[in-house]
Each structure stands twice: as structure tokens, then as C-alpha cells.
Amino acid sequence: MNKIVNNSILAFIGRLAIICNFFTLLSLLIMYVKWVHFPGILSSYFIGLGIVMGPIVNISFLIYWAVFKLFKQEIIIPKWQTISIVFMLIVQILTAFV
């Protein structure tokens, strides 16, 4: 029972991270491409969800994933999801310092 609950929490955080990563890409598109125009409230929502919440969710997912690996519990998450979250965290860190 405990493994099911832990994996469902990890799966939820992973899905939330994928959604935030999508909004990160969308907000980077808004910031760096001049011909993309969204209304002010909508672009503020995209940037808040992507740039602000994205790294927080990605880091929390990776910490939770590392704890699973440390205690050698079975993880039922697709590998592409973990790889894309790590890649997007690297992109978010690089864009924060550029």
C-alpha cells in the first residue's frame, strides 16, 4: 500500500512538472520571440506558471525521485518523463542566468 501511495505522489509531481515545463517553453517563446503576442494577463499567467513554478516542481520531483532511488524502491515512471524533467531543469537554470 505504501509503495502505491508513494508512486502515485511521484507520478502526480511528474505530471505537474511536465505541465509546468510546457508553460516554461511557452513563456520563453513569449519573452524571446517578438512576433508572439498574448494578452497581458494570459502571458503573466504563463510566465508565473512556467518560470516561477517550473523549477520548484522540477527540483521537488528530482529530490523525491532521488529518495526513491536511495531506498531502492520501485519507480513506475516512464524514463522519457524523468529525462525531459532533467533537461528542462537545465534549460531553466541556463535561462535564469542569461
PDB file of N, CA and C in Angstrom:
ATOM      1  N   MET A   1       0.820  -1.199   0.000  1.00  0.00           N
ATOM      2  CA  MET A   1       0.000   0.000   0.000  1.00  0.00           C
ATOM      3  C   MET A   1       0.860   1.257   0.000  1.00  0.00           C
ATOM      4  N   ASN A   2       1.936   1.231   0.780  1.00  0.00           N
ATOM      5  CA  ASN A   2       2.797   2.402   0.884  1.00  0.00           C
ATOM      6  C   ASN A   2       3.507   2.686  -0.439  1.00  0.00           C
ATOM      7  N   LYS A   3       3.905   1.620  -1.174  1.00  0.00           N
ATOM      8  CA  LYS A   3       4.555   1.823  -2.468  1.00  0.00           C
ATOM      9  C   LYS A   3       3.599   2.464  -3.468  1.00  0.00           C
ATOM     10  N   ILE A   4       2.346   2.068  -3.418  1.00  0.00           N
ATOM     11  CA  ILE A   4       1.359   2.624  -4.342  1.00  0.00           C
ATOM     12  C   ILE A   4       1.147   4.102  -4.061  1.00  0.00           C
ATOM     13  N   VAL A   5       1.044   4.475  -2.811  1.00  0.00           N
ATOM     14  CA  VAL A   5       0.850   5.877  -2.450  1.00  0.00           C
ATOM     15  C   VAL A   5       2.061   6.704  -2.849  1.00  0.00           C
ATOM     16  N   ASN A   6       3.273   6.205  -2.553  1.00  0.00           N
ATOM     17  CA  ASN A   6       4.482   6.943  -2.895  1.00  0.00           C
ATOM     18  C   ASN A   6       4.631   7.106  -4.403  1.00  0.00           C
ATOM     19  N   ASN A   7       4.350   6.052  -5.168  1.00  0.00           N
ATOM     20  CA  ASN A   7       4.458   6.151  -6.617  1.00  0.00           C
ATOM     21  C   ASN A   7       3.385   7.054  -7.199  1.00  0.00           C
ATOM     22  N   SER A   8       2.211   7.098  -6.597  1.00  0.00           N
ATOM     23  CA  SER A   8       1.178   7.985  -7.114  1.00  0.00           C
ATOM     24  C   SER A   8       1.534   9.446  -6.851  1.00  0.00           C
ATOM     25  N   ILE A   9       2.195   9.716  -5.726  1.00  0.00           N
ATOM     26  CA  ILE A   9       2.649  11.080  -5.455  1.00  0.00           C
ATOM     27  C   ILE A   9       3.734  11.467  -6.448  1.00  0.00           C
ATOM     28  N   LEU A  10       4.659  10.563  -6.710  1.00  0.00           N
ATOM     29  CA  LEU A  10       5.712  10.836  -7.680  1.00  0.00           C
ATOM     30  C   LEU A  10       5.137  11.012  -9.082  1.00  0.00           C
ATOM     31  N   ALA A  11       4.144  10.223  -9.438  1.00  0.00           N
ATOM     32  CA  ALA A  11       3.513  10.362 -10.746  1.00  0.00           C
ATOM     33  C   ALA A  11       2.783  11.702 -10.861  1.00  0.00           C
ATOM     34  N   PHE A  12       2.128  12.131  -9.788  1.00  0.00           N
ATOM     35  CA  PHE A  12       1.441  13.418  -9.804  1.00  0.00           C
ATOM     36  C   PHE A  12       2.431  14.564  -9.966  1.00  0.00           C
ATOM     37  N   ILE A  13       3.530  14.524  -9.194  1.00  0.00           N
ATOM     38  CA  ILE A  13       4.534  15.587  -9.296  1.00  0.00           C
ATOM     39  C   ILE A  13       5.162  15.575 -10.687  1.00  0.00           C
ATOM     40  N   GLY A  14       5.356  14.393 -11.259  1.00  0.00           N
ATOM     41  CA  GLY A  14       5.915  14.294 -12.608  1.00  0.00           C
ATOM     42  C   GLY A  14       4.994  14.902 -13.653  1.00  0.00           C
ATOM     43  N   ARG A  15       3.705  14.637 -13.546  1.00  0.00           N
ATOM     44  CA  ARG A  15       2.749  15.234 -14.497  1.00  0.00           C
ATOM     45  C   ARG A  15       2.678  16.744 -14.335  1.00  0.00           C
ATOM     46  N   LEU A  16       2.700  17.199 -13.088  1.00  0.00           N
ATOM     47  CA  LEU A  16       2.701  18.640 -12.834  1.00  0.00           C
ATOM     48  C   LEU A  16       3.967  19.286 -13.386  1.00  0.00           C
ATOM     49  N   ALA A  17       5.098  18.601 -13.282  1.00  0.00           N
ATOM     50  CA  ALA A  17       6.349  19.126 -13.821  1.00  0.00           C
ATOM     51  C   ALA A  17       6.291  19.211 -15.345  1.00  0.00           C
ATOM     52  N   ILE A  18       5.698  18.230 -15.997  1.00  0.00           N
ATOM     53  CA  ILE A  18       5.566  18.272 -17.461  1.00  0.00           C
ATOM     54  C   ILE A  18       4.689  19.449 -17.878  1.00  0.00           C
ATOM     55  N   ILE A  19       3.605  19.695 -17.165  1.00  0.00           N
ATOM     56  CA  ILE A  19       2.736  20.833 -17.474  1.00  0.00           C
ATOM     57  C   ILE A  19       3.479  22.146 -17.261  1.00  0.00           C
ATOM     58  N   CYS A  20       4.194  22.257 -16.157  1.00  0.00           N
ATOM     59  CA  CYS A  20       4.964  23.486 -15.897  1.00  0.00           C
ATOM     60  C   CYS A  20       6.073  23.668 -16.925  1.00  0.00           C
ATOM     61  N   ASN A  21       6.671  22.579 -17.387  1.00  0.00           N
ATOM     62  CA  ASN A  21       7.707  22.682 -18.408  1.00  0.00           C
ATOM     63  C   ASN A  21       7.132  23.153 -19.741  1.00  0.00           C
ATOM     64  N   PHE A  22       5.924  22.735 -20.059  1.00  0.00           N
ATOM     65  CA  PHE A  22       5.259  23.240 -21.256  1.00  0.00           C
ATOM     66  C   PHE A  22       5.057  24.751 -21.156  1.00  0.00           C
ATOM     67  N   PHE A  23       4.615  25.216 -19.997  1.00  0.00           N
ATOM     68  CA  PHE A  23       4.428  26.649 -19.819  1.00  0.00           C
ATOM     69  C   PHE A  23       5.762  27.392 -19.759  1.00  0.00           C
ATOM     70  N   THR A  24       6.825  26.718 -19.346  1.00  0.00           N
ATOM     71  CA  THR A  24       8.152  27.333 -19.403  1.00  0.00           C
ATOM     72  C   THR A  24       8.550  27.588 -20.850  1.00  0.00           C
ATOM     73  N   LEU A  25       8.349  26.593 -21.701  1.00  0.00           N
ATOM     74  CA  LEU A  25       8.666  26.781 -23.118  1.00  0.00           C
ATOM     75  C   LEU A  25       7.802  27.868 -23.741  1.00  0.00           C
ATOM     76  N   LEU A  26       6.543  27.903 -23.360  1.00  0.00           N
ATOM     77  CA  LEU A  26       5.641  28.929 -23.880  1.00  0.00           C
ATOM     78  C   LEU A  26       6.042  30.321 -23.393  1.00  0.00           C
ATOM     79  N   SER A  27       6.449  30.437 -22.150  1.00  0.00           N
ATOM     80  CA  SER A  27       6.859  31.745 -21.635  1.00  0.00           C
ATOM     81  C   SER A  27       8.192  32.191 -22.221  1.00  0.00           C
ATOM     82  N   LEU A  28       9.105  31.240 -22.499  1.00  0.00           N
ATOM     83  CA  LEU A  28      10.338  31.608 -23.187  1.00  0.00           C
ATOM     84  C   LEU A  28      10.049  32.077 -24.611  1.00  0.00           C
ATOM     85  N   LEU A  29       9.065  31.465 -25.243  1.00  0.00           N
ATOM     86  CA  LEU A  29       8.636  31.906 -26.564  1.00  0.00           C
ATOM     87  C   LEU A  29       8.082  33.323 -26.505  1.00  0.00           C
ATOM     88  N   ILE A  30       7.317  33.631 -25.487  1.00  0.00           N
ATOM     89  CA  ILE A  30       6.754  34.977 -25.321  1.00  0.00           C
ATOM     90  C   ILE A  30       7.860  35.992 -25.086  1.00  0.00           C
ATOM     91  N   MET A  31       8.864  35.626 -24.285  1.00  0.00           N
ATOM     92  CA  MET A  31       9.911  36.580 -23.938  1.00  0.00           C
ATOM     93  C   MET A  31      10.894  36.832 -25.066  1.00  0.00           C
ATOM     94  N   TYR A  32      11.239  35.807 -25.843  1.00  0.00           N
ATOM     95  CA  TYR A  32      12.334  35.947 -26.789  1.00  0.00           C
ATOM     96  C   TYR A  32      11.906  36.082 -28.250  1.00  0.00           C
ATOM     97  N   VAL A  33      10.683  35.766 -28.593  1.00  0.00           N
ATOM     98  CA  VAL A  33      10.218  35.901 -29.972  1.00  0.00           C
ATOM     99  C   VAL A  33       9.285  37.100 -30.039  1.00  0.00           C
ATOM    100  N   LYS A  34       9.645  38.063 -30.850  1.00  0.00           N
ATOM    101  CA  LYS A  34       8.927  39.346 -30.857  1.00  0.00           C
ATOM    102  C   LYS A  34       7.558  39.274 -31.512  1.00  0.00           C
ATOM    103  N   TRP A  35       7.335  38.361 -32.447  1.00  0.00           N
ATOM    104  CA  TRP A  35       6.050  38.329 -33.138  1.00  0.00           C
ATOM    105  C   TRP A  35       4.973  37.552 -32.384  1.00  0.00           C
ATOM    106  N   VAL A  36       5.320  36.950 -31.245  1.00  0.00           N
ATOM    107  CA  VAL A  36       4.321  36.249 -30.430  1.00  0.00           C
ATOM    108  C   VAL A  36       3.744  37.235 -29.425  1.00  0.00           C
ATOM    109  N   HIS A  37       2.443  37.470 -29.529  1.00  0.00           N
ATOM    110  CA  HIS A  37       1.776  38.407 -28.624  1.00  0.00           C
ATOM    111  C   HIS A  37       0.577  37.723 -27.968  1.00  0.00           C
ATOM    112  N   PHE A  38       0.553  37.752 -26.664  1.00  0.00           N
ATOM    113  CA  PHE A  38      -0.581  37.286 -25.884  1.00  0.00           C
ATOM    114  C   PHE A  38      -1.078  38.447 -25.044  1.00  0.00           C
ATOM    115  N   PRO A  39      -2.319  38.422 -24.618  1.00  0.00           N
ATOM    116  CA  PRO A  39      -2.786  39.468 -23.702  1.00  0.00           C
ATOM    117  C   PRO A  39      -1.960  39.455 -22.412  1.00  0.00           C
ATOM    118  N   GLY A  40      -1.900  40.595 -21.738  1.00  0.00           N
ATOM    119  CA  GLY A  40      -1.048  40.756 -20.564  1.00  0.00           C
ATOM    120  C   GLY A  40      -1.346  39.786 -19.446  1.00  0.00           C
ATOM    121  N   ILE A  41      -2.612  39.564 -19.161  1.00  0.00           N
ATOM    122  CA  ILE A  41      -2.978  38.666 -18.062  1.00  0.00           C
ATOM    123  C   ILE A  41      -2.604  37.228 -18.406  1.00  0.00           C
ATOM    124  N   LEU A  42      -2.832  36.836 -19.645  1.00  0.00           N
ATOM    125  CA  LEU A  42      -2.528  35.470 -20.057  1.00  0.00           C
ATOM    126  C   LEU A  42      -1.027  35.205 -20.064  1.00  0.00           C
ATOM    127  N   SER A  43      -0.256  36.150 -20.571  1.00  0.00           N
ATOM    128  CA  SER A  43       1.195  35.945 -20.576  1.00  0.00           C
ATOM    129  C   SER A  43       1.766  35.998 -19.160  1.00  0.00           C
ATOM    130  N   SER A  44       1.173  36.777 -18.274  1.00  0.00           N
ATOM    131  CA  SER A  44       1.614  36.785 -16.876  1.00  0.00           C
ATOM    132  C   SER A  44       1.337  35.437 -16.220  1.00  0.00           C
ATOM    133  N   TYR A  45       0.212  34.837 -16.548  1.00  0.00           N
ATOM    134  CA  TYR A  45      -0.112  33.507 -16.033  1.00  0.00           C
ATOM    135  C   TYR A  45       0.885  32.482 -16.553  1.00  0.00           C
ATOM    136  N   PHE A  46       1.194  32.532 -17.862  1.00  0.00           N
ATOM    137  CA  PHE A  46       2.150  31.591 -18.446  1.00  0.00           C
ATOM    138  C   PHE A  46       3.519  31.729 -17.801  1.00  0.00           C
ATOM    139  N   ILE A  47       3.971  32.963 -17.635  1.00  0.00           N
ATOM    140  CA  ILE A  47       5.294  33.196 -17.059  1.00  0.00           C
ATOM    141  C   ILE A  47       5.328  32.787 -15.587  1.00  0.00           C
ATOM    142  N   GLY A  48       4.261  33.062 -14.865  1.00  0.00           N
ATOM    143  CA  GLY A  48       4.217  32.663 -13.458  1.00  0.00           C
ATOM    144  C   GLY A  48       4.229  31.165 -13.281  1.00  0.00           C
ATOM    145  N   LEU A  49       3.465  30.476 -14.123  1.00  0.00           N
ATOM    146  CA  LEU A  49       3.408  29.023 -14.022  1.00  0.00           C
ATOM    147  C   LEU A  49       4.673  28.378 -14.552  1.00  0.00           C
ATOM    148  N   GLY A  50       5.275  28.962 -15.578  1.00  0.00           N
ATOM    149  CA  GLY A  50       6.445  28.340 -16.177  1.00  0.00           C
ATOM    150  C   GLY A  50       7.742  28.714 -15.508  1.00  0.00           C
ATOM    151  N   ILE A  51       8.013  30.013 -15.404  1.00  0.00           N
ATOM    152  CA  ILE A  51       9.317  30.465 -14.912  1.00  0.00           C
ATOM    153  C   ILE A  51       9.413  30.368 -13.394  1.00  0.00           C
ATOM    154  N   VAL A  52       8.326  30.652 -12.700  1.00  0.00           N
ATOM    155  CA  VAL A  52       8.381  30.649 -11.236  1.00  0.00           C
ATOM    156  C   VAL A  52       8.145  29.251 -10.668  1.00  0.00           C
ATOM    157  N   MET A  53       7.081  28.597 -11.111  1.00  0.00           N
ATOM    158  CA  MET A  53       6.715  27.321 -10.505  1.00  0.00           C
ATOM    159  C   MET A  53       7.441  26.127 -11.134  1.00  0.00           C
ATOM    160  N   GLY A  54       7.892  26.277 -12.368  1.00  0.00           N
ATOM    161  CA  GLY A  54       8.557  25.175 -13.065  1.00  0.00           C
ATOM    162  C   GLY A  54       9.784  24.638 -12.353  1.00  0.00           C
ATOM    163  N   PRO A  55      10.763  25.497 -12.032  1.00  0.00           N
ATOM    164  CA  PRO A  55      11.957  24.960 -11.349  1.00  0.00           C
ATOM    165  C   PRO A  55      11.656  24.363  -9.971  1.00  0.00           C
ATOM    166  N   ILE A  56      10.699  24.930  -9.273  1.00  0.00           N
ATOM    167  CA  ILE A  56      10.342  24.407  -7.949  1.00  0.00           C
ATOM    168  C   ILE A  56       9.793  22.991  -8.061  1.00  0.00           C
ATOM    169  N   VAL A  57       8.909  22.786  -9.021  1.00  0.00           N
ATOM    170  CA  VAL A  57       8.306  21.461  -9.209  1.00  0.00           C
ATOM    171  C   VAL A  57       9.349  20.476  -9.730  1.00  0.00           C
ATOM    172  N   ASN A  58      10.214  20.924 -10.650  1.00  0.00           N
ATOM    173  CA  ASN A  58      11.249  20.037 -11.184  1.00  0.00           C
ATOM    174  C   ASN A  58      12.220  19.601 -10.094  1.00  0.00           C
ATOM    175  N   ILE A  59      12.648  20.531  -9.265  1.00  0.00           N
ATOM    176  CA  ILE A  59      13.578  20.189  -8.181  1.00  0.00           C
ATOM    177  C   ILE A  59      12.918  19.265  -7.168  1.00  0.00           C
ATOM    178  N   SER A  60      11.655  19.519  -6.845  1.00  0.00           N
ATOM    179  CA  SER A  60      10.968  18.640  -5.891  1.00  0.00           C
ATOM    180  C   SER A  60      10.779  17.240  -6.472  1.00  0.00           C
ATOM    181  N   PHE A  61      10.505  17.149  -7.784  1.00  0.00           N
ATOM    182  CA  PHE A  61      10.392  15.835  -8.422  1.00  0.00           C
ATOM    183  C   PHE A  61      11.720  15.089  -8.348  1.00  0.00           C
ATOM    184  N   LEU A  62      12.817  15.788  -8.664  1.00  0.00           N
ATOM    185  CA  LEU A  62      14.114  15.118  -8.673  1.00  0.00           C
ATOM    186  C   LEU A  62      14.565  14.725  -7.272  1.00  0.00           C
ATOM    187  N   ILE A  63      14.241  15.515  -6.271  1.00  0.00           N
ATOM    188  CA  ILE A  63      14.566  15.138  -4.892  1.00  0.00           C
ATOM    189  C   ILE A  63      13.761  13.910  -4.481  1.00  0.00           C
ATOM    190  N   TYR A  64      12.482  13.906  -4.796  1.00  0.00           N
ATOM    191  CA  TYR A  64      11.628  12.769  -4.466  1.00  0.00           C
ATOM    192  C   TYR A  64      12.096  11.515  -5.201  1.00  0.00           C
ATOM    193  N   TRP A  65      12.488  11.669  -6.477  1.00  0.00           N
ATOM    194  CA  TRP A  65      12.980  10.561  -7.281  1.00  0.00           C
ATOM    195  C   TRP A  65      14.286  10.017  -6.708  1.00  0.00           C
ATOM    196  N   ALA A  66      15.181  10.930  -6.243  1.00  0.00           N
ATOM    197  CA  ALA A  66      16.454  10.513  -5.659  1.00  0.00           C
ATOM    198  C   ALA A  66      16.241   9.754  -4.353  1.00  0.00           C
ATOM    199  N   VAL A  67      15.260  10.166  -3.568  1.00  0.00           N
ATOM    200  CA  VAL A  67      14.956   9.449  -2.328  1.00  0.00           C
ATOM    201  C   VAL A  67      14.460   8.040  -2.641  1.00  0.00           C
ATOM    202  N   PHE A  68      13.639   7.913  -3.693  1.00  0.00           N
ATOM    203  CA  PHE A  68      13.202   6.582  -4.110  1.00  0.00           C
ATOM    204  C   PHE A  68      14.391   5.715  -4.501  1.00  0.00           C
ATOM    205  N   LYS A  69      15.296   6.291  -5.279  1.00  0.00           N
ATOM    206  CA  LYS A  69      16.471   5.532  -5.713  1.00  0.00           C
ATOM    207  C   LYS A  69      17.374   5.183  -4.532  1.00  0.00           C
ATOM    208  N   LEU A  70      17.467   6.094  -3.572  1.00  0.00           N
ATOM    209  CA  LEU A  70      18.313   5.864  -2.402  1.00  0.00           C
ATOM    210  C   LEU A  70      17.809   4.680  -1.574  1.00  0.00           C
ATOM    211  N   PHE A  71      16.490   4.584  -1.417  1.00  0.00           N
ATOM    212  CA  PHE A  71      15.912   3.493  -0.645  1.00  0.00           C
ATOM    213  C   PHE A  71      15.551   2.280  -1.501  1.00  0.00           C
ATOM    214  N   LYS A  72      15.948   2.320  -2.775  1.00  0.00           N
ATOM    215  CA  LYS A  72      15.793   1.205  -3.713  1.00  0.00           C
ATOM    216  C   LYS A  72      14.344   0.743  -3.847  1.00  0.00           C
ATOM    217  N   GLN A  73      13.436   1.706  -3.911  1.00  0.00           N
ATOM    218  CA  GLN A  73      12.047   1.359  -4.158  1.00  0.00           C
ATOM    219  C   GLN A  73      11.791   1.354  -5.661  1.00  0.00           C
ATOM    220  N   GLU A  74      10.806   0.591  -6.066  1.00  0.00           N
ATOM    221  CA  GLU A  74      10.464   0.510  -7.472  1.00  0.00           C
ATOM    222  C   GLU A  74       9.768   1.795  -7.907  1.00  0.00           C
ATOM    223  N   ILE A  75      10.206   2.349  -9.035  1.00  0.00           N
ATOM    224  CA  ILE A  75       9.631   3.581  -9.563  1.00  0.00           C
ATOM    225  C   ILE A  75       8.869   3.234 -10.832  1.00  0.00           C
ATOM    226  N   ILE A  76       7.601   3.611 -10.853  1.00  0.00           N
ATOM    227  CA  ILE A  76       6.761   3.331 -12.014  1.00  0.00           C
ATOM    228  C   ILE A  76       6.521   4.648 -12.760  1.00  0.00           C
ATOM    229  N   ILE A  77       7.580   5.204 -13.299  1.00  0.00           N
ATOM    230  CA  ILE A  77       7.536   6.453 -14.059  1.00  0.00           C
ATOM    231  C   ILE A  77       8.276   6.190 -15.363  1.00  0.00           C
ATOM    232  N   PRO A  78       7.735   6.648 -16.505  1.00  0.00           N
ATOM    233  CA  PRO A  78       8.460   6.457 -17.768  1.00  0.00           C
ATOM    234  C   PRO A  78       9.806   7.189 -17.759  1.00  0.00           C
ATOM    235  N   LYS A  79      10.798   6.581 -18.380  1.00  0.00           N
ATOM    236  CA  LYS A  79      12.132   7.181 -18.404  1.00  0.00           C
ATOM    237  C   LYS A  79      12.149   8.490 -19.183  1.00  0.00           C
ATOM    238  N   TRP A  80      11.312   8.598 -20.231  1.00  0.00           N
ATOM    239  CA  TRP A  80      11.295   9.836 -21.014  1.00  0.00           C
ATOM    240  C   TRP A  80      10.844  11.007 -20.156  1.00  0.00           C
ATOM    241  N   GLN A  81       9.973  10.741 -19.214  1.00  0.00           N
ATOM    242  CA  GLN A  81       9.469  11.806 -18.352  1.00  0.00           C
ATOM    243  C   GLN A  81      10.578  12.325 -17.432  1.00  0.00           C
ATOM    244  N   THR A  82      11.341  11.432 -16.855  1.00  0.00           N
ATOM    245  CA  THR A  82      12.445  11.838 -15.988  1.00  0.00           C
ATOM    246  C   THR A  82      13.523  12.568 -16.787  1.00  0.00           C
ATOM    247  N   ILE A  83      13.831  12.077 -17.983  1.00  0.00           N
ATOM    248  CA  ILE A  83      14.842  12.716 -18.817  1.00  0.00           C
ATOM    249  C   ILE A  83      14.395  14.108 -19.243  1.00  0.00           C
ATOM    250  N   SER A  84      13.126  14.256 -19.607  1.00  0.00           N
ATOM    251  CA  SER A  84      12.648  15.581 -20.029  1.00  0.00           C
ATOM    252  C   SER A  84      12.607  16.559 -18.852  1.00  0.00           C
ATOM    253  N   ILE A  85      12.324  16.086 -17.657  1.00  0.00           N
ATOM    254  CA  ILE A  85      12.319  16.963 -16.486  1.00  0.00           C
ATOM    255  C   ILE A  85      13.730  17.433 -16.160  1.00  0.00           C
ATOM    256  N   VAL A  86      14.705  16.539 -16.256  1.00  0.00           N
ATOM    257  CA  VAL A  86      16.096  16.934 -16.016  1.00  0.00           C
ATOM    258  C   VAL A  86      16.552  17.923 -17.078  1.00  0.00           C
ATOM    259  N   PHE A  87      16.221  17.656 -18.340  1.00  0.00           N
ATOM    260  CA  PHE A  87      16.597  18.560 -19.427  1.00  0.00           C
ATOM    261  C   PHE A  87      15.976  19.940 -19.238  1.00  0.00           C
ATOM    262  N   MET A  88      14.714  19.987 -18.879  1.00  0.00           N
ATOM    263  CA  MET A  88      14.045  21.281 -18.701  1.00  0.00           C
ATOM    264  C   MET A  88      14.578  22.017 -17.479  1.00  0.00           C
ATOM    265  N   LEU A  89      14.991  21.307 -16.450  1.00  0.00           N
ATOM    266  CA  LEU A  89      15.604  21.973 -15.305  1.00  0.00           C
ATOM    267  C   LEU A  89      16.921  22.620 -15.706  1.00  0.00           C
ATOM    268  N   ILE A  90      17.689  21.936 -16.545  1.00  0.00           N
ATOM    269  CA  ILE A  90      18.938  22.524 -17.053  1.00  0.00           C
ATOM    270  C   ILE A  90      18.639  23.755 -17.894  1.00  0.00           C
ATOM    271  N   VAL A  91      17.613  23.681 -18.745  1.00  0.00           N
ATOM    272  CA  VAL A  91      17.216  24.851 -19.556  1.00  0.00           C
ATOM    273  C   VAL A  91      16.770  25.993 -18.661  1.00  0.00           C
ATOM    274  N   GLN A  92      16.014  25.703 -17.621  1.00  0.00           N
ATOM    275  CA  GLN A  92      15.544  26.751 -16.718  1.00  0.00           C
ATOM    276  C   GLN A  92      16.694  27.386 -15.966  1.00  0.00           C
ATOM    277  N   ILE A  93      17.672  26.606 -15.557  1.00  0.00           N
ATOM    278  CA  ILE A  93      18.831  27.166 -14.863  1.00  0.00           C
ATOM    279  C   ILE A  93      19.640  28.042 -15.816  1.00  0.00           C
ATOM    280  N   LEU A  94      19.830  27.573 -17.046  1.00  0.00           N
ATOM    281  CA  LEU A  94      20.583  28.367 -18.023  1.00  0.00           C
ATOM    282  C   LEU A  94      19.872  29.666 -18.379  1.00  0.00           C
ATOM    283  N   THR A  95      18.567  29.632 -18.534  1.00  0.00           N
ATOM    284  CA  THR A  95      17.843  30.862 -18.883  1.00  0.00           C
ATOM    285  C   THR A  95      17.736  31.815 -17.700  1.00  0.00           C
ATOM    286  N   ALA A  96      17.875  31.312 -16.506  1.00  0.00           N
ATOM    287  CA  ALA A  96      17.843  32.196 -15.342  1.00  0.00           C
ATOM    288  C   ALA A  96      19.093  33.052 -15.260  1.00  0.00           C
ATOM    289  N   PHE A  97      20.206  32.536 -15.782  1.00  0.00           N
ATOM    290  CA  PHE A  97      21.458  33.247 -15.702  1.00  0.00           C
ATOM    291  C   PHE A  97      21.854  33.936 -17.001  1.00  0.00           C
ATOM    292  N   VAL A  98      21.012  33.890 -18.006  1.00  0.00           N
ATOM    293  CA  VAL A  98      21.321  34.550 -19.292  1.00  0.00           C
ATOM    294  C   VAL A  98      20.645  35.892 -19.353  1.00  0.00           C
TER     295      VAL A  98
END
